[in-house]
Each structure stands twice: as structure tokens, then as C-alpha cells.
mmCIF file of all heavy atoms, coordinates in Angstrom:
data_MODEL
# 
_entry.id   MODEL 
# 
loop_
_atom_site.group_PDB 
_atom_site.id 
_atom_site.type_symbol 
_atom_site.label_atom_id 
_atom_site.label_alt_id 
_atom_site.label_comp_id 
_atom_site.label_asym_id 
_atom_site.label_entity_id 
_atom_site.label_seq_id 
_atom_site.pdbx_PDB_ins_code 
_atom_site.Cartn_x 
_atom_site.Cartn_y 
_atom_site.Cartn_z 
_atom_site.occupancy 
_atom_site.B_iso_or_equiv 
_atom_site.pdbx_formal_charge 
_atom_site.auth_seq_id 
_atom_site.auth_comp_id 
_atom_site.auth_asym_id 
_atom_site.auth_atom_id 
_atom_site.pdbx_PDB_model_num 
ATOM 1   N N   . LEU A 1 1  ? -2.066 0.812  7.163   1.00 0.00 ? 1  LEU A N   1 
ATOM 2   C CA  . LEU A 1 1  ? -1.127 0.992  8.241   1.00 0.00 ? 1  LEU A CA  1 
ATOM 3   C C   . LEU A 1 1  ? -0.474 -0.320 8.613   1.00 0.00 ? 1  LEU A C   1 
ATOM 4   O O   . LEU A 1 1  ? 0.754  -0.447 8.810   1.00 0.00 ? 1  LEU A O   1 
ATOM 5   C CB  . LEU A 1 1  ? -1.731 1.698  9.445   1.00 0.00 ? 1  LEU A CB  1 
ATOM 6   C CG  . LEU A 1 1  ? -0.774 2.387  10.444  1.00 0.00 ? 1  LEU A CG  1 
ATOM 7   C CD1 . LEU A 1 1  ? 0.103  3.387  9.812   1.00 0.00 ? 1  LEU A CD1 1 
ATOM 8   C CD2 . LEU A 1 1  ? -1.652 3.045  11.527  1.00 0.00 ? 1  LEU A CD2 1 
ATOM 9   N N   . SER A 1 2  ? -1.266 -1.349 8.763   1.00 0.00 ? 2  SER A N   1 
ATOM 10  C CA  . SER A 1 2  ? -0.781 -2.672 9.135   1.00 0.00 ? 2  SER A CA  1 
ATOM 11  C C   . SER A 1 2  ? 0.121  -3.256 8.068   1.00 0.00 ? 2  SER A C   1 
ATOM 12  O O   . SER A 1 2  ? 1.180  -3.803 8.400   1.00 0.00 ? 2  SER A O   1 
ATOM 13  C CB  . SER A 1 2  ? -1.981 -3.674 9.348   1.00 0.00 ? 2  SER A CB  1 
ATOM 14  O OG  . SER A 1 2  ? -2.729 -3.276 10.457  1.00 0.00 ? 2  SER A OG  1 
ATOM 15  N N   . HIS A 1 3  ? -0.316 -3.211 6.830   1.00 0.00 ? 3  HIS A N   1 
ATOM 16  C CA  . HIS A 1 3  ? 0.552  -3.653 5.768   1.00 0.00 ? 3  HIS A CA  1 
ATOM 17  C C   . HIS A 1 3  ? 1.860  -2.899 5.677   1.00 0.00 ? 3  HIS A C   1 
ATOM 18  O O   . HIS A 1 3  ? 2.955  -3.507 5.501   1.00 0.00 ? 3  HIS A O   1 
ATOM 19  C CB  . HIS A 1 3  ? -0.139 -3.631 4.416   1.00 0.00 ? 3  HIS A CB  1 
ATOM 20  C CG  . HIS A 1 3  ? -1.045 -4.754 4.161   1.00 0.00 ? 3  HIS A CG  1 
ATOM 21  N ND1 . HIS A 1 3  ? -0.585 -5.959 3.591   1.00 0.00 ? 3  HIS A ND1 1 
ATOM 22  C CD2 . HIS A 1 3  ? -2.374 -4.920 4.404   1.00 0.00 ? 3  HIS A CD2 1 
ATOM 23  C CE1 . HIS A 1 3  ? -1.648 -6.751 3.503   1.00 0.00 ? 3  HIS A CE1 1 
ATOM 24  N NE2 . HIS A 1 3  ? -2.704 -6.194 3.981   1.00 0.00 ? 3  HIS A NE2 1 
ATOM 25  N N   . LEU A 1 4  ? 1.820  -1.618 5.833   1.00 0.00 ? 4  LEU A N   1 
ATOM 26  C CA  . LEU A 1 4  ? 3.006  -0.794 5.768   1.00 0.00 ? 4  LEU A CA  1 
ATOM 27  C C   . LEU A 1 4  ? 3.959  -1.114 6.970   1.00 0.00 ? 4  LEU A C   1 
ATOM 28  O O   . LEU A 1 4  ? 5.144  -1.209 6.766   1.00 0.00 ? 4  LEU A O   1 
ATOM 29  C CB  . LEU A 1 4  ? 2.598  0.695  5.827   1.00 0.00 ? 4  LEU A CB  1 
ATOM 30  C CG  . LEU A 1 4  ? 3.646  1.719  5.450   1.00 0.00 ? 4  LEU A CG  1 
ATOM 31  C CD1 . LEU A 1 4  ? 4.252  1.432  4.050   1.00 0.00 ? 4  LEU A CD1 1 
ATOM 32  C CD2 . LEU A 1 4  ? 3.015  3.095  5.422   1.00 0.00 ? 4  LEU A CD2 1 
ATOM 33  N N   . ALA A 1 5  ? 3.362  -1.353 8.126   1.00 0.00 ? 5  ALA A N   1 
ATOM 34  C CA  . ALA A 1 5  ? 4.203  -1.698 9.319   1.00 0.00 ? 5  ALA A CA  1 
ATOM 35  C C   . ALA A 1 5  ? 4.855  -3.069 9.107   1.00 0.00 ? 5  ALA A C   1 
ATOM 36  O O   . ALA A 1 5  ? 5.976  -3.292 9.498   1.00 0.00 ? 5  ALA A O   1 
ATOM 37  C CB  . ALA A 1 5  ? 3.303  -1.738 10.530  1.00 0.00 ? 5  ALA A CB  1 
ATOM 38  N N   . ARG A 1 6  ? 4.126  -3.984 8.473   1.00 0.00 ? 6  ARG A N   1 
ATOM 39  C CA  . ARG A 1 6  ? 4.710  -5.385 8.252   1.00 0.00 ? 6  ARG A CA  1 
ATOM 40  C C   . ARG A 1 6  ? 5.721  -5.386 7.156   1.00 0.00 ? 6  ARG A C   1 
ATOM 41  O O   . ARG A 1 6  ? 6.776  -6.005 7.269   1.00 0.00 ? 6  ARG A O   1 
ATOM 42  C CB  . ARG A 1 6  ? 3.600  -6.356 7.946   1.00 0.00 ? 6  ARG A CB  1 
ATOM 43  C CG  . ARG A 1 6  ? 2.910  -6.900 9.137   1.00 0.00 ? 6  ARG A CG  1 
ATOM 44  C CD  . ARG A 1 6  ? 2.067  -8.103 8.840   1.00 0.00 ? 6  ARG A CD  1 
ATOM 45  N NE  . ARG A 1 6  ? 1.087  -7.909 7.730   1.00 0.00 ? 6  ARG A NE  1 
ATOM 46  C CZ  . ARG A 1 6  ? -0.112 -7.441 7.866   1.00 0.00 ? 6  ARG A CZ  1 
ATOM 47  N NH1 . ARG A 1 6  ? -0.574 -7.054 9.072   1.00 0.00 ? 6  ARG A NH1 1 
ATOM 48  N NH2 . ARG A 1 6  ? -0.921 -7.240 6.831   1.00 0.00 ? 6  ARG A NH2 1 
ATOM 49  N N   . SER A 1 7  ? 5.411  -4.692 6.046   1.00 0.00 ? 7  SER A N   1 
ATOM 50  C CA  . SER A 1 7  ? 6.285  -4.796 4.832   1.00 0.00 ? 7  SER A CA  1 
ATOM 51  C C   . SER A 1 7  ? 7.411  -3.764 4.845   1.00 0.00 ? 7  SER A C   1 
ATOM 52  O O   . SER A 1 7  ? 8.398  -3.919 4.099   1.00 0.00 ? 7  SER A O   1 
ATOM 53  C CB  . SER A 1 7  ? 5.451  -4.646 3.577   1.00 0.00 ? 7  SER A CB  1 
ATOM 54  O OG  . SER A 1 7  ? 4.852  -3.363 3.502   1.00 0.00 ? 7  SER A OG  1 
ATOM 55  N N   . GLY A 1 8  ? 7.321  -2.734 5.659   1.00 0.00 ? 8  GLY A N   1 
ATOM 56  C CA  . GLY A 1 8  ? 8.346  -1.710 5.654   1.00 0.00 ? 8  GLY A CA  1 
ATOM 57  C C   . GLY A 1 8  ? 8.041  -0.643 4.620   1.00 0.00 ? 8  GLY A C   1 
ATOM 58  O O   . GLY A 1 8  ? 6.988  -0.689 3.966   1.00 0.00 ? 8  GLY A O   1 
ATOM 59  N N   . PRO A 1 9  ? 8.907  0.390  4.590   1.00 0.00 ? 9  PRO A N   1 
ATOM 60  C CA  . PRO A 1 9  ? 8.661  1.534  3.725   1.00 0.00 ? 9  PRO A CA  1 
ATOM 61  C C   . PRO A 1 9  ? 8.445  1.085  2.260   1.00 0.00 ? 9  PRO A C   1 
ATOM 62  O O   . PRO A 1 9  ? 9.161  0.169  1.731   1.00 0.00 ? 9  PRO A O   1 
ATOM 63  C CB  . PRO A 1 9  ? 9.916  2.342  3.808   1.00 0.00 ? 9  PRO A CB  1 
ATOM 64  C CG  . PRO A 1 9  ? 10.485 1.934  5.161   1.00 0.00 ? 9  PRO A CG  1 
ATOM 65  C CD  . PRO A 1 9  ? 10.105 0.514  5.348   1.00 0.00 ? 9  PRO A CD  1 
ATOM 66  N N   . THR A 1 10 ? 7.469  1.708  1.604   1.00 0.00 ? 10 THR A N   1 
ATOM 67  C CA  . THR A 1 10 ? 7.139  1.346  0.222   1.00 0.00 ? 10 THR A CA  1 
ATOM 68  C C   . THR A 1 10 ? 6.354  2.473  -0.388  1.00 0.00 ? 10 THR A C   1 
ATOM 69  O O   . THR A 1 10 ? 5.970  3.456  0.295   1.00 0.00 ? 10 THR A O   1 
ATOM 70  C CB  . THR A 1 10 ? 6.308  0.070  0.141   1.00 0.00 ? 10 THR A CB  1 
ATOM 71  O OG1 . THR A 1 10 ? 6.191  -0.352 -1.232  1.00 0.00 ? 10 THR A OG1 1 
ATOM 72  C CG2 . THR A 1 10 ? 4.908  0.212  0.782   1.00 0.00 ? 10 THR A CG2 1 
ATOM 73  N N   . THR A 1 11 ? 6.208  2.454  -1.682  1.00 0.00 ? 11 THR A N   1 
ATOM 74  C CA  . THR A 1 11 ? 5.435  3.538  -2.401  1.00 0.00 ? 11 THR A CA  1 
ATOM 75  C C   . THR A 1 11 ? 3.942  3.272  -2.238  1.00 0.00 ? 11 THR A C   1 
ATOM 76  O O   . THR A 1 11 ? 3.482  2.151  -1.966  1.00 0.00 ? 11 THR A O   1 
ATOM 77  C CB  . THR A 1 11 ? 5.741  3.536  -3.865  1.00 0.00 ? 11 THR A CB  1 
ATOM 78  O OG1 . THR A 1 11 ? 5.322  2.305  -4.442  1.00 0.00 ? 11 THR A OG1 1 
ATOM 79  C CG2 . THR A 1 11 ? 7.238  3.788  -4.077  1.00 0.00 ? 11 THR A CG2 1 
ATOM 80  N N   . SER A 1 12 ? 3.186  4.307  -2.424  1.00 0.00 ? 12 SER A N   1 
ATOM 81  C CA  . SER A 1 12 ? 1.700  4.235  -2.369  1.00 0.00 ? 12 SER A CA  1 
ATOM 82  C C   . SER A 1 12 ? 1.190  3.167  -3.359  1.00 0.00 ? 12 SER A C   1 
ATOM 83  O O   . SER A 1 12 ? 0.304  2.392  -3.055  1.00 0.00 ? 12 SER A O   1 
ATOM 84  C CB  . SER A 1 12 ? 1.087  5.613  -2.603  1.00 0.00 ? 12 SER A CB  1 
ATOM 85  O OG  . SER A 1 12 ? -0.281 5.530  -2.624  1.00 0.00 ? 12 SER A OG  1 
ATOM 86  N N   . SER A 1 13 ? 1.779  3.257  -4.574  1.00 0.00 ? 13 SER A N   1 
ATOM 87  C CA  . SER A 1 13 ? 1.229  2.368  -5.639  1.00 0.00 ? 13 SER A CA  1 
ATOM 88  C C   . SER A 1 13 ? 1.585  0.885  -5.340  1.00 0.00 ? 13 SER A C   1 
ATOM 89  O O   . SER A 1 13 ? 0.770  -0.009 -5.568  1.00 0.00 ? 13 SER A O   1 
ATOM 90  C CB  . SER A 1 13 ? 1.757  2.760  -7.039  1.00 0.00 ? 13 SER A CB  1 
ATOM 91  O OG  . SER A 1 13 ? 3.158  2.715  -7.018  1.00 0.00 ? 13 SER A OG  1 
ATOM 92  N N   . GLU A 1 14 ? 2.735  0.642  -4.755  1.00 0.00 ? 14 GLU A N   1 
ATOM 93  C CA  . GLU A 1 14 ? 3.096  -0.747 -4.382  1.00 0.00 ? 14 GLU A CA  1 
ATOM 94  C C   . GLU A 1 14 ? 2.207  -1.239 -3.265  1.00 0.00 ? 14 GLU A C   1 
ATOM 95  O O   . GLU A 1 14 ? 1.730  -2.373 -3.272  1.00 0.00 ? 14 GLU A O   1 
ATOM 96  C CB  . GLU A 1 14 ? 4.641  -0.806 -3.965  1.00 0.00 ? 14 GLU A CB  1 
ATOM 97  C CG  . GLU A 1 14 ? 5.548  -0.651 -5.127  1.00 0.00 ? 14 GLU A CG  1 
ATOM 98  C CD  . GLU A 1 14 ? 7.029  -0.417 -4.665  1.00 0.00 ? 14 GLU A CD  1 
ATOM 99  O OE1 . GLU A 1 14 ? 7.236  -0.283 -3.479  1.00 0.00 ? 14 GLU A OE1 1 
ATOM 100 O OE2 . GLU A 1 14 ? 7.838  -0.377 -5.581  1.00 0.00 ? 14 GLU A OE2 1 
ATOM 101 N N   . LEU A 1 15 ? 1.898  -0.334 -2.307  1.00 0.00 ? 15 LEU A N   1 
ATOM 102 C CA  . LEU A 1 15 ? 1.035  -0.733 -1.198  1.00 0.00 ? 15 LEU A CA  1 
ATOM 103 C C   . LEU A 1 15 ? -0.367 -0.969 -1.728  1.00 0.00 ? 15 LEU A C   1 
ATOM 104 O O   . LEU A 1 15 ? -1.043 -1.982 -1.332  1.00 0.00 ? 15 LEU A O   1 
ATOM 105 C CB  . LEU A 1 15 ? 1.036  0.391  -0.155  1.00 0.00 ? 15 LEU A CB  1 
ATOM 106 C CG  . LEU A 1 15 ? 0.312  0.086  1.145   1.00 0.00 ? 15 LEU A CG  1 
ATOM 107 C CD1 . LEU A 1 15 ? 0.902  -1.139 1.845   1.00 0.00 ? 15 LEU A CD1 1 
ATOM 108 C CD2 . LEU A 1 15 ? 0.414  1.296  2.098   1.00 0.00 ? 15 LEU A CD2 1 
ATOM 109 N N   . ALA A 1 16 ? -0.852 -0.209 -2.669  1.00 0.00 ? 16 ALA A N   1 
ATOM 110 C CA  . ALA A 1 16 ? -2.155 -0.404 -3.256  1.00 0.00 ? 16 ALA A CA  1 
ATOM 111 C C   . ALA A 1 16 ? -2.237 -1.732 -3.941  1.00 0.00 ? 16 ALA A C   1 
ATOM 112 O O   . ALA A 1 16 ? -3.187 -2.489 -3.804  1.00 0.00 ? 16 ALA A O   1 
ATOM 113 C CB  . ALA A 1 16 ? -2.486 0.730  -4.267  1.00 0.00 ? 16 ALA A CB  1 
ATOM 114 N N   . ARG A 1 17 ? -1.174 -2.068 -4.657  1.00 0.00 ? 17 ARG A N   1 
ATOM 115 C CA  . ARG A 1 17 ? -1.110 -3.391 -5.313  1.00 0.00 ? 17 ARG A CA  1 
ATOM 116 C C   . ARG A 1 17 ? -1.187 -4.558 -4.296  1.00 0.00 ? 17 ARG A C   1 
ATOM 117 O O   . ARG A 1 17 ? -1.863 -5.536 -4.499  1.00 0.00 ? 17 ARG A O   1 
ATOM 118 C CB  . ARG A 1 17 ? 0.143  -3.474 -6.193  1.00 0.00 ? 17 ARG A CB  1 
ATOM 119 C CG  . ARG A 1 17 ? 0.037  -4.155 -7.406  1.00 0.00 ? 17 ARG A CG  1 
ATOM 120 C CD  . ARG A 1 17 ? 1.192  -4.123 -8.333  1.00 0.00 ? 17 ARG A CD  1 
ATOM 121 N NE  . ARG A 1 17 ? 2.437  -3.453 -7.913  1.00 0.00 ? 17 ARG A NE  1 
ATOM 122 C CZ  . ARG A 1 17 ? 2.770  -2.206 -8.255  1.00 0.00 ? 17 ARG A CZ  1 
ATOM 123 N NH1 . ARG A 1 17 ? 1.963  -1.441 -8.982  1.00 0.00 ? 17 ARG A NH1 1 
ATOM 124 N NH2 . ARG A 1 17 ? 3.878  -1.682 -7.827  1.00 0.00 ? 17 ARG A NH2 1 
ATOM 125 N N   . GLU A 1 18 ? -0.456 -4.356 -3.196  1.00 0.00 ? 18 GLU A N   1 
ATOM 126 C CA  . GLU A 1 18 ? -0.396 -5.411 -2.188  1.00 0.00 ? 18 GLU A CA  1 
ATOM 127 C C   . GLU A 1 18 ? -1.780 -5.656 -1.557  1.00 0.00 ? 18 GLU A C   1 
ATOM 128 O O   . GLU A 1 18 ? -2.150 -6.832 -1.272  1.00 0.00 ? 18 GLU A O   1 
ATOM 129 C CB  . GLU A 1 18 ? 0.574  -5.042 -1.019  1.00 0.00 ? 18 GLU A CB  1 
ATOM 130 C CG  . GLU A 1 18 ? 2.010  -5.215 -1.367  1.00 0.00 ? 18 GLU A CG  1 
ATOM 131 C CD  . GLU A 1 18 ? 2.897  -4.847 -0.150  1.00 0.00 ? 18 GLU A CD  1 
ATOM 132 O OE1 . GLU A 1 18 ? 2.529  -5.058 0.994   1.00 0.00 ? 18 GLU A OE1 1 
ATOM 133 O OE2 . GLU A 1 18 ? 4.012  -4.255 -0.470  1.00 0.00 ? 18 GLU A OE2 1 
ATOM 134 N N   . VAL A 1 19 ? -2.517 -4.617 -1.274  1.00 0.00 ? 19 VAL A N   1 
ATOM 135 C CA  . VAL A 1 19 ? -3.836 -4.754 -0.628  1.00 0.00 ? 19 VAL A CA  1 
ATOM 136 C C   . VAL A 1 19 ? -4.988 -4.815 -1.618  1.00 0.00 ? 19 VAL A C   1 
ATOM 137 O O   . VAL A 1 19 ? -6.128 -4.867 -1.252  1.00 0.00 ? 19 VAL A O   1 
ATOM 138 C CB  . VAL A 1 19 ? -4.089 -3.695 0.489   1.00 0.00 ? 19 VAL A CB  1 
ATOM 139 C CG1 . VAL A 1 19 ? -3.013 -3.789 1.542   1.00 0.00 ? 19 VAL A CG1 1 
ATOM 140 C CG2 . VAL A 1 19 ? -4.176 -2.303 -0.098  1.00 0.00 ? 19 VAL A CG2 1 
ATOM 141 N N   . GLN A 1 20 ? -4.631 -4.773 -2.884  1.00 0.00 ? 20 GLN A N   1 
ATOM 142 C CA  . GLN A 1 20 ? -5.583 -4.899 -4.016  1.00 0.00 ? 20 GLN A CA  1 
ATOM 143 C C   . GLN A 1 20 ? -6.663 -3.869 -3.997  1.00 0.00 ? 20 GLN A C   1 
ATOM 144 O O   . GLN A 1 20 ? -7.888 -4.194 -4.069  1.00 0.00 ? 20 GLN A O   1 
ATOM 145 C CB  . GLN A 1 20 ? -6.154 -6.298 -3.993  1.00 0.00 ? 20 GLN A CB  1 
ATOM 146 C CG  . GLN A 1 20 ? -5.137 -7.395 -4.124  1.00 0.00 ? 20 GLN A CG  1 
ATOM 147 C CD  . GLN A 1 20 ? -5.684 -8.779 -4.084  1.00 0.00 ? 20 GLN A CD  1 
ATOM 148 O OE1 . GLN A 1 20 ? -6.804 -9.038 -3.684  1.00 0.00 ? 20 GLN A OE1 1 
ATOM 149 N NE2 . GLN A 1 20 ? -4.881 -9.762 -4.541  1.00 0.00 ? 20 GLN A NE2 1 
ATOM 150 N N   . ILE A 1 21 ? -6.273 -2.597 -3.957  1.00 0.00 ? 21 ILE A N   1 
ATOM 151 C CA  . ILE A 1 21 ? -7.223 -1.517 -4.125  1.00 0.00 ? 21 ILE A CA  1 
ATOM 152 C C   . ILE A 1 21 ? -6.589 -0.547 -5.175  1.00 0.00 ? 21 ILE A C   1 
ATOM 153 O O   . ILE A 1 21 ? -5.447 -0.705 -5.539  1.00 0.00 ? 21 ILE A O   1 
ATOM 154 C CB  . ILE A 1 21 ? -7.541 -0.757 -2.807  1.00 0.00 ? 21 ILE A CB  1 
ATOM 155 C CG1 . ILE A 1 21 ? -6.303 -0.071 -2.245  1.00 0.00 ? 21 ILE A CG1 1 
ATOM 156 C CG2 . ILE A 1 21 ? -8.169 -1.696 -1.835  1.00 0.00 ? 21 ILE A CG2 1 
ATOM 157 C CD1 . ILE A 1 21 ? -6.619 0.863  -1.055  1.00 0.00 ? 21 ILE A CD1 1 
ATOM 158 N N   . THR A 1 22 ? -7.385 0.413  -5.574  1.00 0.00 ? 22 THR A N   1 
ATOM 159 C CA  . THR A 1 22 ? -6.854 1.344  -6.627  1.00 0.00 ? 22 THR A CA  1 
ATOM 160 C C   . THR A 1 22 ? -5.812 2.285  -5.988  1.00 0.00 ? 22 THR A C   1 
ATOM 161 O O   . THR A 1 22 ? -5.812 2.523  -4.790  1.00 0.00 ? 22 THR A O   1 
ATOM 162 C CB  . THR A 1 22 ? -7.948 2.250  -7.212  1.00 0.00 ? 22 THR A CB  1 
ATOM 163 O OG1 . THR A 1 22 ? -8.508 3.023  -6.199  1.00 0.00 ? 22 THR A OG1 1 
ATOM 164 C CG2 . THR A 1 22 ? -9.063 1.379  -7.807  1.00 0.00 ? 22 THR A CG2 1 
ATOM 165 N N   . ALA A 1 23 ? -4.883 2.697  -6.842  1.00 0.00 ? 23 ALA A N   1 
ATOM 166 C CA  . ALA A 1 23 ? -3.887 3.665  -6.397  1.00 0.00 ? 23 ALA A CA  1 
ATOM 167 C C   . ALA A 1 23 ? -4.510 4.943  -5.886  1.00 0.00 ? 23 ALA A C   1 
ATOM 168 O O   . ALA A 1 23 ? -4.004 5.541  -4.892  1.00 0.00 ? 23 ALA A O   1 
ATOM 169 C CB  . ALA A 1 23 ? -2.878 3.983  -7.519  1.00 0.00 ? 23 ALA A CB  1 
ATOM 170 N N   . GLN A 1 24 ? -5.608 5.389  -6.465  1.00 0.00 ? 24 GLN A N   1 
ATOM 171 C CA  . GLN A 1 24 ? -6.289 6.570  -5.987  1.00 0.00 ? 24 GLN A CA  1 
ATOM 172 C C   . GLN A 1 24 ? -6.859 6.414  -4.592  1.00 0.00 ? 24 GLN A C   1 
ATOM 173 O O   . GLN A 1 24 ? -6.730 7.237  -3.732  1.00 0.00 ? 24 GLN A O   1 
ATOM 174 C CB  . GLN A 1 24 ? -7.421 6.970  -6.971  1.00 0.00 ? 24 GLN A CB  1 
ATOM 175 C CG  . GLN A 1 24 ? -6.923 7.390  -8.377  1.00 0.00 ? 24 GLN A CG  1 
ATOM 176 C CD  . GLN A 1 24 ? -6.630 6.211  -9.256  1.00 0.00 ? 24 GLN A CD  1 
ATOM 177 O OE1 . GLN A 1 24 ? -6.798 5.076  -8.906  1.00 0.00 ? 24 GLN A OE1 1 
ATOM 178 N NE2 . GLN A 1 24 ? -6.126 6.549  -10.460 1.00 0.00 ? 24 GLN A NE2 1 
ATOM 179 N N   . SER A 1 25 ? -7.490 5.245  -4.339  1.00 0.00 ? 25 SER A N   1 
ATOM 180 C CA  . SER A 1 25 ? -8.003 5.009  -2.981  1.00 0.00 ? 25 SER A CA  1 
ATOM 181 C C   . SER A 1 25 ? -6.881 4.933  -1.974  1.00 0.00 ? 25 SER A C   1 
ATOM 182 O O   . SER A 1 25 ? -7.038 5.482  -0.871  1.00 0.00 ? 25 SER A O   1 
ATOM 183 C CB  . SER A 1 25 ? -8.793 3.636  -2.979  1.00 0.00 ? 25 SER A CB  1 
ATOM 184 O OG  . SER A 1 25 ? -9.922 3.740  -3.784  1.00 0.00 ? 25 SER A OG  1 
ATOM 185 N N   . MET A 1 26 ? -5.788 4.270  -2.312  1.00 0.00 ? 26 MET A N   1 
ATOM 186 C CA  . MET A 1 26 ? -4.681 4.220  -1.390  1.00 0.00 ? 26 MET A CA  1 
ATOM 187 C C   . MET A 1 26 ? -4.094 5.566  -1.132  1.00 0.00 ? 26 MET A C   1 
ATOM 188 O O   . MET A 1 26 ? -3.743 5.920  -0.051  1.00 0.00 ? 26 MET A O   1 
ATOM 189 C CB  . MET A 1 26 ? -3.582 3.272  -1.907  1.00 0.00 ? 26 MET A CB  1 
ATOM 190 C CG  . MET A 1 26 ? -2.423 3.079  -0.968  1.00 0.00 ? 26 MET A CG  1 
ATOM 191 S SD  . MET A 1 26 ? -2.878 2.513  0.701   1.00 0.00 ? 26 MET A SD  1 
ATOM 192 C CE  . MET A 1 26 ? -3.314 0.855  0.320   1.00 0.00 ? 26 MET A CE  1 
ATOM 193 N N   . GLY A 1 27 ? -4.039 6.391  -2.203  1.00 0.00 ? 27 GLY A N   1 
ATOM 194 C CA  . GLY A 1 27 ? -3.470 7.742  -2.019  1.00 0.00 ? 27 GLY A CA  1 
ATOM 195 C C   . GLY A 1 27 ? -4.372 8.557  -1.058  1.00 0.00 ? 27 GLY A C   1 
ATOM 196 O O   . GLY A 1 27 ? -3.839 9.276  -0.188  1.00 0.00 ? 27 GLY A O   1 
# 
């Protein structure tokens, strides 16, 4: 939530990459 609030709208996979977790976990 914090990363999304700071970076703005993005895809789940891009957000997973930013916070360095798997796409499945982020999903």
C-alpha cells in the first residue's frame, strides 16, 4: 500500500518487482 501510494497506479507485477517479492505473493 505504501509503495503504491508513493509510486502511483501500477500493475501488480511492476509493484512486485519494486518491492522484490514474487508476483504471486503480491497478487
